[in-house]
PDB file of N, CA and C in Angstrom:
ATOM      1  N   UNK A   1     147.532 173.659 171.779  1.00  0.00           N
ATOM      2  CA  UNK A   1     146.455 172.836 170.935  1.00  0.00           C
ATOM      3  C   UNK A   1     147.484 171.765 170.397  1.00  0.00           C
ATOM      4  N   UNK A   2     147.068 170.383 170.651  1.00  0.00           N
ATOM      5  CA  UNK A   2     148.254 169.439 169.741  1.00  0.00           C
ATOM      6  C   UNK A   2     148.011 169.779 168.040  1.00  0.00           C
ATOM      7  N   UNK A   3     149.018 169.363 167.309  1.00  0.00           N
ATOM      8  CA  UNK A   3     148.847 169.523 165.734  1.00  0.00           C
ATOM      9  C   UNK A   3     148.326 168.352 165.237  1.00  0.00           C
ATOM     10  N   UNK A   4     147.870 168.642 164.314  1.00  0.00           N
ATOM     11  CA  UNK A   4     147.181 167.288 163.384  1.00  0.00           C
ATOM     12  C   UNK A   4     147.495 166.702 162.280  1.00  0.00           C
ATOM     13  N   UNK A   5     148.078 165.562 161.972  1.00  0.00           N
ATOM     14  CA  UNK A   5     148.792 165.035 160.865  1.00  0.00           C
ATOM     15  C   UNK A   5     147.236 164.546 159.843  1.00  0.00           C
ATOM     16  N   UNK A   6     147.055 165.453 158.729  1.00  0.00           N
ATOM     17  CA  UNK A   6     146.006 164.884 157.611  1.00  0.00           C
ATOM     18  C   UNK A   6     147.025 164.554 156.315  1.00  0.00           C
ATOM     19  N   UNK A   7     146.247 163.135 155.731  1.00  0.00           N
ATOM     20  CA  UNK A   7     146.820 162.570 154.495  1.00  0.00           C
ATOM     21  C   UNK A   7     145.963 161.499 154.040  1.00  0.00           C
ATOM     22  N   UNK A   8     145.588 161.819 152.523  1.00  0.00           N
ATOM     23  CA  UNK A   8     144.595 160.963 152.223  1.00  0.00           C
ATOM     24  C   UNK A   8     143.192 160.803 152.791  1.00  0.00           C
ATOM     25  N   UNK A   9     142.983 161.800 153.082  1.00  0.00           N
ATOM     26  CA  UNK A   9     141.291 161.204 153.811  1.00  0.00           C
ATOM     27  C   UNK A   9     141.313 161.321 155.410  1.00  0.00           C
ATOM     28  N   UNK A  10     142.952 160.812 155.960  1.00  0.00           N
ATOM     29  CA  UNK A  10     142.635 160.931 157.232  1.00  0.00           C
ATOM     30  C   UNK A  10     142.888 161.356 158.399  1.00  0.00           C
ATOM     31  N   UNK A  11     142.704 162.191 159.264  1.00  0.00           N
ATOM     32  CA  UNK A  11     143.654 163.022 160.279  1.00  0.00           C
ATOM     33  C   UNK A  11     144.116 162.407 161.636  1.00  0.00           C
ATOM     34  N   UNK A  12     145.050 162.583 161.996  1.00  0.00           N
ATOM     35  CA  UNK A  12     145.469 162.220 163.603  1.00  0.00           C
ATOM     36  C   UNK A  12     146.046 163.380 164.415  1.00  0.00           C
ATOM     37  N   UNK A  13     146.084 162.851 165.370  1.00  0.00           N
ATOM     38  CA  UNK A  13     146.438 163.337 166.373  1.00  0.00           C
ATOM     39  C   UNK A  13     148.270 163.443 166.735  1.00  0.00           C
ATOM     40  N   UNK A  14     148.747 164.557 166.654  1.00  0.00           N
ATOM     41  CA  UNK A  14     150.308 164.111 167.084  1.00  0.00           C
ATOM     42  C   UNK A  14     150.677 164.675 168.229  1.00  0.00           C
ATOM     43  N   UNK A  15     152.300 164.359 168.838  1.00  0.00           N
ATOM     44  CA  UNK A  15     152.329 164.737 170.060  1.00  0.00           C
ATOM     45  C   UNK A  15     154.043 164.630 169.824  1.00  0.00           C
ATOM     46  N   UNK A  16     154.622 165.302 170.440  1.00  0.00           N
ATOM     47  CA  UNK A  16     156.169 165.201 170.066  1.00  0.00           C
ATOM     48  C   UNK A  16     156.821 165.213 171.908  1.00  0.00           C
ATOM     49  N   UNK A  17     158.081 164.969 171.490  1.00  0.00           N
ATOM     50  CA  UNK A  17     158.610 164.630 172.723  1.00  0.00           C
ATOM     51  C   UNK A  17     160.174 164.779 172.415  1.00  0.00           C
ATOM     52  N   UNK A  18     161.065 165.837 172.661  1.00  0.00           N
ATOM     53  CA  UNK A  18     161.544 166.602 172.666  1.00  0.00           C
ATOM     54  C   UNK A  18     163.196 166.661 173.564  1.00  0.00           C
ATOM     55  N   UNK A  19     164.313 166.025 173.084  1.00  0.00           N
ATOM     56  CA  UNK A  19     165.212 165.908 173.671  1.00  0.00           C
ATOM     57  C   UNK A  19     166.283 166.984 173.082  1.00  0.00           C
ATOM     58  N   UNK A  20     167.869 166.584 173.256  1.00  0.00           N
ATOM     59  CA  UNK A  20     168.887 167.464 173.492  1.00  0.00           C
ATOM     60  C   UNK A  20     168.944 167.005 171.294  1.00  0.00           C
ATOM     61  N   UNK A  21     169.526 165.979 171.551  1.00  0.00           N
ATOM     62  CA  UNK A  21     169.813 165.668 169.985  1.00  0.00           C
ATOM     63  C   UNK A  21     168.641 164.621 169.301  1.00  0.00           C
ATOM     64  N   UNK A  22     167.385 164.332 169.782  1.00  0.00           N
ATOM     65  CA  UNK A  22     166.459 164.117 169.408  1.00  0.00           C
ATOM     66  C   UNK A  22     165.047 164.375 169.681  1.00  0.00           C
ATOM     67  N   UNK A  23     163.902 164.099 168.724  1.00  0.00           N
ATOM     68  CA  UNK A  23     162.734 164.386 168.780  1.00  0.00           C
ATOM     69  C   UNK A  23     161.642 162.787 168.375  1.00  0.00           C
ATOM     70  N   UNK A  24     160.904 162.717 169.556  1.00  0.00           N
ATOM     71  CA  UNK A  24     159.859 161.620 168.856  1.00  0.00           C
ATOM     72  C   UNK A  24     158.232 162.059 168.812  1.00  0.00           C
ATOM     73  N   UNK A  25     157.865 161.485 167.710  1.00  0.00           N
ATOM     74  CA  UNK A  25     156.936 161.834 167.317  1.00  0.00           C
ATOM     75  C   UNK A  25     155.547 160.855 167.530  1.00  0.00           C
ATOM     76  N   UNK A  26     154.472 161.155 168.171  1.00  0.00           N
ATOM     77  CA  UNK A  26     153.737 160.035 168.412  1.00  0.00           C
ATOM     78  C   UNK A  26     152.147 160.425 167.553  1.00  0.00           C
ATOM     79  N   UNK A  27     151.947 159.258 166.778  1.00  0.00           N
ATOM     80  CA  UNK A  27     150.675 159.485 166.105  1.00  0.00           C
ATOM     81  C   UNK A  27     149.536 159.066 167.046  1.00  0.00           C
ATOM     82  N   UNK A  28     148.135 159.429 167.036  1.00  0.00           N
ATOM     83  CA  UNK A  28     147.550 158.618 167.734  1.00  0.00           C
ATOM     84  C   UNK A  28     145.856 159.700 167.578  1.00  0.00           C
ATOM     85  N   UNK A  29     144.526 158.754 168.295  1.00  0.00           N
ATOM     86  CA  UNK A  29     143.486 159.391 168.559  1.00  0.00           C
ATOM     87  C   UNK A  29     142.881 159.775 169.707  1.00  0.00           C
ATOM     88  N   UNK A  30     143.245 161.179 169.564  1.00  0.00           N
ATOM     89  CA  UNK A  30     142.610 161.715 171.055  1.00  0.00           C
ATOM     90  C   UNK A  30     141.732 161.230 171.508  1.00  0.00           C
ATOM     91  N   UNK A  31     140.565 160.956 170.554  1.00  0.00           N
ATOM     92  CA  UNK A  31     139.576 160.337 171.475  1.00  0.00           C
ATOM     93  C   UNK A  31     139.566 158.944 172.064  1.00  0.00           C
ATOM     94  N   UNK A  32     140.436 158.270 171.921  1.00  0.00           N
ATOM     95  CA  UNK A  32     141.187 156.696 172.534  1.00  0.00           C
ATOM     96  C   UNK A  32     141.636 157.393 173.930  1.00  0.00           C
ATOM     97  N   UNK A  33     142.144 158.332 173.746  1.00  0.00           N
ATOM     98  CA  UNK A  33     143.031 158.611 175.166  1.00  0.00           C
ATOM     99  C   UNK A  33     142.152 158.471 176.233  1.00  0.00           C
ATOM    100  N   UNK A  34     142.806 157.963 177.289  1.00  0.00           N
ATOM    101  CA  UNK A  34     142.458 158.150 178.790  1.00  0.00           C
ATOM    102  C   UNK A  34     142.629 159.150 179.168  1.00  0.00           C
ATOM    103  N   UNK A  35     141.378 159.837 180.185  1.00  0.00           N
ATOM    104  CA  UNK A  35     141.475 161.555 180.513  1.00  0.00           C
ATOM    105  C   UNK A  35     141.126 161.731 181.791  1.00  0.00           C
ATOM    106  N   UNK A  36     140.529 160.096 182.569  1.00  0.00           N
ATOM    107  CA  UNK A  36     140.337 160.485 183.954  1.00  0.00           C
ATOM    108  C   UNK A  36     141.991 160.345 184.869  1.00  0.00           C
ATOM    109  N   UNK A  37     141.050 160.864 185.876  1.00  0.00           N
ATOM    110  CA  UNK A  37     142.300 161.209 186.901  1.00  0.00           C
ATOM    111  C   UNK A  37     143.175 159.754 187.823  1.00  0.00           C
ATOM    112  N   UNK A  38     141.961 158.968 187.337  1.00  0.00           N
ATOM    113  CA  UNK A  38     142.343 157.513 188.634  1.00  0.00           C
ATOM    114  C   UNK A  38     141.569 156.574 187.876  1.00  0.00           C
ATOM    115  N   UNK A  39     142.482 155.507 187.602  1.00  0.00           N
ATOM    116  CA  UNK A  39     142.489 154.053 186.855  1.00  0.00           C
ATOM    117  C   UNK A  39     141.859 153.696 187.987  1.00  0.00           C
ATOM    118  N   UNK A  40     140.735 152.570 187.468  1.00  0.00           N
ATOM    119  CA  UNK A  40     140.251 151.894 188.351  1.00  0.00           C
ATOM    120  C   UNK A  40     139.509 150.968 187.104  1.00  0.00           C
ATOM    121  N   UNK A  41     138.992 149.775 188.256  1.00  0.00           N
ATOM    122  CA  UNK A  41     138.069 148.645 187.577  1.00  0.00           C
ATOM    123  C   UNK A  41     138.773 148.410 186.132  1.00  0.00           C
ATOM    124  N   UNK A  42     137.676 148.382 184.901  1.00  0.00           N
ATOM    125  CA  UNK A  42     138.126 148.070 183.490  1.00  0.00           C
ATOM    126  C   UNK A  42     138.778 149.074 182.915  1.00  0.00           C
ATOM    127  N   UNK A  43     140.034 148.858 182.604  1.00  0.00           N
ATOM    128  CA  UNK A  43     140.798 150.172 181.886  1.00  0.00           C
ATOM    129  C   UNK A  43     141.413 149.159 180.626  1.00  0.00           C
ATOM    130  N   UNK A  44     141.059 149.683 178.922  1.00  0.00           N
ATOM    131  CA  UNK A  44     141.301 149.546 178.086  1.00  0.00           C
ATOM    132  C   UNK A  44     141.924 150.664 177.926  1.00  0.00           C
ATOM    133  N   UNK A  45     143.369 150.134 177.277  1.00  0.00           N
ATOM    134  CA  UNK A  45     144.531 150.558 176.498  1.00  0.00           C
ATOM    135  C   UNK A  45     144.257 150.887 175.046  1.00  0.00           C
ATOM    136  N   UNK A  46     144.340 151.555 174.546  1.00  0.00           N
ATOM    137  CA  UNK A  46     144.158 151.691 172.916  1.00  0.00           C
ATOM    138  C   UNK A  46     145.691 152.353 172.824  1.00  0.00           C
ATOM    139  N   UNK A  47     146.568 151.211 171.867  1.00  0.00           N
ATOM    140  CA  UNK A  47     147.633 151.618 171.284  1.00  0.00           C
ATOM    141  C   UNK A  47     147.904 153.039 170.360  1.00  0.00           C
ATOM    142  N   UNK A  48     148.812 153.631 170.339  1.00  0.00           N
ATOM    143  CA  UNK A  48     149.322 154.670 169.603  1.00  0.00           C
ATOM    144  C   UNK A  48     149.691 154.104 168.321  1.00  0.00           C
ATOM    145  N   UNK A  49     149.108 154.655 167.061  1.00  0.00           N
ATOM    146  CA  UNK A  49     149.321 154.394 165.772  1.00  0.00           C
ATOM    147  C   UNK A  49     150.363 154.086 165.002  1.00  0.00           C
ATOM    148  N   UNK A  50     151.783 154.503 166.092  1.00  0.00           N
ATOM    149  CA  UNK A  50     152.727 154.651 165.486  1.00  0.00           C
ATOM    150  C   UNK A  50     153.698 156.041 165.992  1.00  0.00           C
ATOM    151  N   UNK A  51     154.999 155.390 165.968  1.00  0.00           N
ATOM    152  CA  UNK A  51     156.014 156.540 166.501  1.00  0.00           C
ATOM    153  C   UNK A  51     157.172 156.645 165.624  1.00  0.00           C
ATOM    154  N   UNK A  52     157.661 157.724 165.632  1.00  0.00           N
ATOM    155  CA  UNK A  52     158.842 158.318 164.507  1.00  0.00           C
ATOM    156  C   UNK A  52     159.827 158.954 165.543  1.00  0.00           C
ATOM    157  N   UNK A  53     160.996 158.737 165.057  1.00  0.00           N
ATOM    158  CA  UNK A  53     162.406 158.918 165.853  1.00  0.00           C
ATOM    159  C   UNK A  53     163.258 160.031 164.690  1.00  0.00           C
ATOM    160  N   UNK A  54     163.487 161.437 165.289  1.00  0.00           N
ATOM    161  CA  UNK A  54     164.210 161.945 164.620  1.00  0.00           C
ATOM    162  C   UNK A  54     165.499 162.410 165.162  1.00  0.00           C
ATOM    163  N   UNK A  55     166.908 161.750 164.772  1.00  0.00           N
ATOM    164  CA  UNK A  55     167.858 161.838 165.370  1.00  0.00           C
ATOM    165  C   UNK A  55     168.686 162.855 164.450  1.00  0.00           C
ATOM    166  N   UNK A  56     169.196 163.775 165.339  1.00  0.00           N
ATOM    167  CA  UNK A  56     169.823 164.887 164.904  1.00  0.00           C
ATOM    168  C   UNK A  56     171.777 164.868 164.511  1.00  0.00           C
ATOM    169  N   UNK A  57     172.017 164.600 163.631  1.00  0.00           N
ATOM    170  CA  UNK A  57     173.518 164.082 163.779  1.00  0.00           C
ATOM    171  C   UNK A  57     174.260 165.333 162.769  1.00  0.00           C
ATOM    172  N   UNK A  58     175.250 166.643 163.608  1.00  0.00           N
ATOM    173  CA  UNK A  58     175.789 167.056 162.982  1.00  0.00           C
ATOM    174  C   UNK A  58     174.363 168.362 162.397  1.00  0.00           C
ATOM    175  N   UNK A  59     174.531 168.775 161.149  1.00  0.00           N
ATOM    176  CA  UNK A  59     173.718 169.594 160.605  1.00  0.00           C
ATOM    177  C   UNK A  59     172.889 168.664 159.846  1.00  0.00           C
ATOM    178  N   UNK A  60     172.595 167.577 159.917  1.00  0.00           N
ATOM    179  CA  UNK A  60     172.168 166.681 159.264  1.00  0.00           C
ATOM    180  C   UNK A  60     170.841 165.818 160.215  1.00  0.00           C
ATOM    181  N   UNK A  61     170.115 164.785 159.580  1.00  0.00           N
ATOM    182  CA  UNK A  61     169.008 164.420 160.661  1.00  0.00           C
ATOM    183  C   UNK A  61     168.752 162.892 159.989  1.00  0.00           C
ATOM    184  N   UNK A  62     168.367 161.677 160.960  1.00  0.00           N
ATOM    185  CA  UNK A  62     167.731 160.611 160.060  1.00  0.00           C
ATOM    186  C   UNK A  62     166.561 160.059 160.892  1.00  0.00           C
ATOM    187  N   UNK A  63     165.845 159.529 160.054  1.00  0.00           N
ATOM    188  CA  UNK A  63     164.426 159.280 160.457  1.00  0.00           C
ATOM    189  C   UNK A  63     163.794 157.979 160.094  1.00  0.00           C
ATOM    190  N   UNK A  64     163.557 157.261 161.809  1.00  0.00           N
ATOM    191  CA  UNK A  64     163.015 156.225 161.499  1.00  0.00           C
ATOM    192  C   UNK A  64     162.285 155.804 162.182  1.00  0.00           C
ATOM    193  N   UNK A  65     161.379 154.434 162.361  1.00  0.00           N
ATOM    194  CA  UNK A  65     160.124 154.355 163.262  1.00  0.00           C
ATOM    195  C   UNK A  65     159.405 153.161 162.514  1.00  0.00           C
ATOM    196  N   UNK A  66     158.355 153.709 162.871  1.00  0.00           N
ATOM    197  CA  UNK A  66     157.072 152.333 162.636  1.00  0.00           C
ATOM    198  C   UNK A  66     156.291 152.761 163.101  1.00  0.00           C
ATOM    199  N   UNK A  67     155.135 152.576 161.809  1.00  0.00           N
ATOM    200  CA  UNK A  67     153.821 153.215 161.775  1.00  0.00           C
ATOM    201  C   UNK A  67     152.883 152.275 161.447  1.00  0.00           C
ATOM    202  N   UNK A  68     151.765 151.904 161.969  1.00  0.00           N
ATOM    203  CA  UNK A  68     150.752 150.702 161.864  1.00  0.00           C
ATOM    204  C   UNK A  68     149.502 150.727 160.482  1.00  0.00           C
ATOM    205  N   UNK A  69     150.078 150.151 159.743  1.00  0.00           N
ATOM    206  CA  UNK A  69     149.382 149.916 158.667  1.00  0.00           C
ATOM    207  C   UNK A  69     148.088 150.094 158.385  1.00  0.00           C
ATOM    208  N   UNK A  70     147.045 149.379 159.699  1.00  0.00           N
ATOM    209  CA  UNK A  70     145.784 149.962 159.646  1.00  0.00           C
ATOM    210  C   UNK A  70     145.109 151.383 159.662  1.00  0.00           C
ATOM    211  N   UNK A  71     146.493 152.147 159.991  1.00  0.00           N
ATOM    212  CA  UNK A  71     146.055 153.547 160.138  1.00  0.00           C
ATOM    213  C   UNK A  71     147.038 154.651 158.960  1.00  0.00           C
ATOM    214  N   UNK A  72     148.170 154.088 157.959  1.00  0.00           N
ATOM    215  CA  UNK A  72     149.292 154.870 157.263  1.00  0.00           C
ATOM    216  C   UNK A  72     149.478 153.810 156.196  1.00  0.00           C
ATOM    217  N   UNK A  73     150.221 153.906 155.258  1.00  0.00           N
ATOM    218  CA  UNK A  73     150.274 153.719 153.943  1.00  0.00           C
ATOM    219  C   UNK A  73     150.974 154.369 153.431  1.00  0.00           C
ATOM    220  N   UNK A  74     152.396 153.475 152.561  1.00  0.00           N
ATOM    221  CA  UNK A  74     153.403 154.135 152.199  1.00  0.00           C
ATOM    222  C   UNK A  74     153.291 155.311 151.192  1.00  0.00           C
ATOM    223  N   UNK A  75     151.857 155.383 150.402  1.00  0.00           N
ATOM    224  CA  UNK A  75     151.746 156.845 150.140  1.00  0.00           C
ATOM    225  C   UNK A  75     151.718 158.172 150.611  1.00  0.00           C
ATOM    226  N   UNK A  76     151.286 157.745 152.423  1.00  0.00           N
ATOM    227  CA  UNK A  76     151.480 159.082 153.119  1.00  0.00           C
ATOM    228  C   UNK A  76     152.906 159.223 153.401  1.00  0.00           C
ATOM    229  N   UNK A  77     154.103 158.674 152.890  1.00  0.00           N
ATOM    230  CA  UNK A  77     155.230 159.334 153.698  1.00  0.00           C
ATOM    231  C   UNK A  77     155.710 160.391 153.118  1.00  0.00           C
ATOM    232  N   UNK A  78     155.471 160.860 152.033  1.00  0.00           N
ATOM    233  CA  UNK A  78     155.715 162.080 151.414  1.00  0.00           C
ATOM    234  C   UNK A  78     155.122 163.033 152.094  1.00  0.00           C
ATOM    235  N   UNK A  79     153.887 163.053 152.384  1.00  0.00           N
ATOM    236  CA  UNK A  79     152.748 163.905 153.204  1.00  0.00           C
ATOM    237  C   UNK A  79     153.651 163.818 154.512  1.00  0.00           C
ATOM    238  N   UNK A  80     154.163 162.495 155.128  1.00  0.00           N
ATOM    239  CA  UNK A  80     154.757 162.851 156.339  1.00  0.00           C
ATOM    240  C   UNK A  80     155.706 163.678 156.397  1.00  0.00           C
ATOM    241  N   UNK A  81     156.558 163.698 155.535  1.00  0.00           N
ATOM    242  CA  UNK A  81     158.005 164.377 155.473  1.00  0.00           C
ATOM    243  C   UNK A  81     157.568 165.951 155.747  1.00  0.00           C
ATOM    244  N   UNK A  82     156.825 166.000 154.690  1.00  0.00           N
ATOM    245  CA  UNK A  82     156.508 167.994 154.447  1.00  0.00           C
ATOM    246  C   UNK A  82     155.884 168.190 155.951  1.00  0.00           C
ATOM    247  N   UNK A  83     155.068 167.660 156.346  1.00  0.00           N
ATOM    248  CA  UNK A  83     154.607 167.693 157.926  1.00  0.00           C
ATOM    249  C   UNK A  83     155.739 167.864 158.773  1.00  0.00           C
ATOM    250  N   UNK A  84     156.545 166.689 159.177  1.00  0.00           N
ATOM    251  CA  UNK A  84     157.689 167.242 159.702  1.00  0.00           C
ATOM    252  C   UNK A  84     158.800 168.367 159.458  1.00  0.00           C
ATOM    253  N   UNK A  85     158.897 168.787 157.941  1.00  0.00           N
ATOM    254  CA  UNK A  85     159.745 169.972 157.500  1.00  0.00           C
ATOM    255  C   UNK A  85     158.687 171.593 157.746  1.00  0.00           C
ATOM    256  N   UNK A  86     157.623 171.149 157.885  1.00  0.00           N
ATOM    257  CA  UNK A  86     156.553 172.443 158.647  1.00  0.00           C
ATOM    258  C   UNK A  86     156.717 172.450 160.150  1.00  0.00           C
ATOM    259  N   UNK A  87     156.925 171.962 160.872  1.00  0.00           N
ATOM    260  CA  UNK A  87     156.703 171.425 162.410  1.00  0.00           C
ATOM    261  C   UNK A  87     157.689 171.514 163.178  1.00  0.00           C
ATOM    262  N   UNK A  88     159.208 171.120 162.149  1.00  0.00           N
ATOM    263  CA  UNK A  88     160.574 171.202 162.799  1.00  0.00           C
ATOM    264  C   UNK A  88     161.044 172.260 161.707  1.00  0.00           C
ATOM    265  N   UNK A  89     161.219 173.084 161.114  1.00  0.00           N
ATOM    266  CA  UNK A  89     162.096 174.221 160.278  1.00  0.00           C
ATOM    267  C   UNK A  89     163.330 173.823 160.449  1.00  0.00           C
ATOM    268  N   UNK A  90     164.371 173.484 161.358  1.00  0.00           N
ATOM    269  CA  UNK A  90     165.180 172.690 161.087  1.00  0.00           C
ATOM    270  C   UNK A  90     165.784 171.613 159.975  1.00  0.00           C
ATOM    271  N   UNK A  91     164.659 171.302 159.767  1.00  0.00           N
ATOM    272  CA  UNK A  91     164.818 170.087 158.719  1.00  0.00           C
ATOM    273  C   UNK A  91     164.607 170.550 157.422  1.00  0.00           C
ATOM    274  N   UNK A  92     164.200 171.740 156.987  1.00  0.00           N
ATOM    275  CA  UNK A  92     164.312 172.211 155.747  1.00  0.00           C
ATOM    276  C   UNK A  92     165.556 172.312 155.176  1.00  0.00           C
ATOM    277  N   UNK A  93     165.643 171.610 153.785  1.00  0.00           N
ATOM    278  CA  UNK A  93     166.878 171.861 153.028  1.00  0.00           C
ATOM    279  C   UNK A  93     168.443 171.286 153.778  1.00  0.00           C
ATOM    280  N   UNK A  94     167.859 169.816 154.793  1.00  0.00           N
ATOM    281  CA  UNK A  94     168.882 169.320 155.067  1.00  0.00           C
ATOM    282  C   UNK A  94     168.887 167.886 154.324  1.00  0.00           C
ATOM    283  N   UNK A  95     170.165 167.254 155.003  1.00  0.00           N
ATOM    284  CA  UNK A  95     169.913 165.651 154.679  1.00  0.00           C
ATOM    285  C   UNK A  95     169.357 165.080 155.286  1.00  0.00           C
ATOM    286  N   UNK A  96     168.195 164.113 155.025  1.00  0.00           N
ATOM    287  CA  UNK A  96     167.456 163.222 156.075  1.00  0.00           C
ATOM    288  C   UNK A  96     167.374 162.310 155.138  1.00  0.00           C
ATOM    289  N   UNK A  97     167.740 161.374 155.428  1.00  0.00           N
ATOM    290  CA  UNK A  97     167.538 159.487 155.240  1.00  0.00           C
ATOM    291  C   UNK A  97     166.612 159.202 156.443  1.00  0.00           C
ATOM    292  N   UNK A  98     165.899 158.091 155.790  1.00  0.00           N
ATOM    293  CA  UNK A  98     164.608 157.866 156.343  1.00  0.00           C
ATOM    294  C   UNK A  98     164.603 156.086 156.101  1.00  0.00           C
ATOM    295  N   UNK A  99     164.340 155.342 157.251  1.00  0.00           N
ATOM    296  CA  UNK A  99     163.784 153.988 157.007  1.00  0.00           C
ATOM    297  C   UNK A  99     162.370 154.069 157.986  1.00  0.00           C
ATOM    298  N   UNK A 100     161.253 153.954 157.396  1.00  0.00           N
ATOM    299  CA  UNK A 100     159.957 153.654 158.538  1.00  0.00           C
ATOM    300  C   UNK A 100     159.165 152.188 157.691  1.00  0.00           C
ATOM    301  N   UNK A 101     158.685 151.636 159.042  1.00  0.00           N
ATOM    302  CA  UNK A 101     158.337 150.230 158.968  1.00  0.00           C
ATOM    303  C   UNK A 101     156.856 150.381 159.144  1.00  0.00           C
ATOM    304  N   UNK A 102     155.725 149.435 158.238  1.00  0.00           N
ATOM    305  CA  UNK A 102     154.564 149.996 157.767  1.00  0.00           C
ATOM    306  C   UNK A 102     154.006 148.719 158.774  1.00  0.00           C
ATOM    307  N   UNK A 103     154.284 148.192 160.131  1.00  0.00           N
ATOM    308  CA  UNK A 103     153.548 147.177 160.288  1.00  0.00           C
ATOM    309  C   UNK A 103     152.054 146.713 160.806  1.00  0.00           C
ATOM    310  N   UNK A 104     151.826 145.488 160.852  1.00  0.00           N
ATOM    311  CA  UNK A 104     150.671 145.001 161.187  1.00  0.00           C
ATOM    312  C   UNK A 104     150.303 144.322 162.271  1.00  0.00           C
ATOM    313  N   UNK A 105     149.748 144.305 162.958  1.00  0.00           N
ATOM    314  CA  UNK A 105     149.920 143.534 164.488  1.00  0.00           C
ATOM    315  C   UNK A 105     148.947 142.216 164.601  1.00  0.00           C
ATOM    316  N   UNK A 106     149.342 141.513 164.779  1.00  0.00           N
ATOM    317  CA  UNK A 106     149.121 139.930 164.679  1.00  0.00           C
ATOM    318  C   UNK A 106     148.608 139.784 166.075  1.00  0.00           C
ATOM    319  N   UNK A 107     149.432 139.921 167.033  1.00  0.00           N
ATOM    320  CA  UNK A 107     149.328 139.147 168.360  1.00  0.00           C
ATOM    321  C   UNK A 107     149.702 140.413 169.421  1.00  0.00           C
ATOM    322  N   UNK A 108     148.808 140.257 170.200  1.00  0.00           N
ATOM    323  CA  UNK A 108     149.515 141.176 171.360  1.00  0.00           C
ATOM    324  C   UNK A 108     149.244 140.512 173.112  1.00  0.00           C
ATOM    325  N   UNK A 109     149.845 141.285 173.827  1.00  0.00           N
ATOM    326  CA  UNK A 109     149.150 141.036 175.436  1.00  0.00           C
ATOM    327  C   UNK A 109     148.778 141.760 176.022  1.00  0.00           C
ATOM    328  N   UNK A 110     147.991 141.630 177.378  1.00  0.00           N
ATOM    329  CA  UNK A 110     147.073 142.495 177.637  1.00  0.00           C
ATOM    330  C   UNK A 110     146.468 142.556 179.063  1.00  0.00           C
ATOM    331  N   UNK A 111     146.903 143.346 180.006  1.00  0.00           N
ATOM    332  CA  UNK A 111     146.546 143.182 181.117  1.00  0.00           C
ATOM    333  C   UNK A 111     145.287 144.281 181.297  1.00  0.00           C
ATOM    334  N   UNK A 112     143.968 144.049 181.572  1.00  0.00           N
ATOM    335  CA  UNK A 112     143.356 145.673 181.687  1.00  0.00           C
ATOM    336  C   UNK A 112     142.720 145.647 183.451  1.00  0.00           C
ATOM    337  N   UNK A 113     143.238 145.038 184.361  1.00  0.00           N
ATOM    338  CA  UNK A 113     142.352 145.131 185.871  1.00  0.00           C
ATOM    339  C   UNK A 113     141.399 143.669 186.024  1.00  0.00           C
ATOM    340  N   UNK A 114     140.757 143.280 185.135  1.00  0.00           N
ATOM    341  CA  UNK A 114     139.666 142.458 185.175  1.00  0.00           C
ATOM    342  C   UNK A 114     140.158 140.958 185.564  1.00  0.00           C
ATOM    343  N   UNK A 115     141.331 140.620 184.502  1.00  0.00           N
ATOM    344  CA  UNK A 115     141.594 139.235 184.693  1.00  0.00           C
ATOM    345  C   UNK A 115     143.283 138.987 185.013  1.00  0.00           C
TER     346      UNK A 115
END
């Protein structure tokens, strides 16, 4: 079962991608995911709500990333840090500076097989 992030009355699915010295965290809505075995005709691709990158440097870590402000706000930052410390126990009691951008989409490019 995929973990869930809860904050300020909202809940999001979370997926982790691990490597030797970094972890990527993706926030999304499972209900928007494509589950078909075959992509054909009209395909609507729902973007994720944002990504965070944990880079491990010695015994410490650096957190950076971008979160869509339609789903996240600065007031959620402490909940995000607590969520990460709970799901990544090696983050507890270490130095972890962070920089999180809260972005707004003003333009996008899409191809869906129809045009």
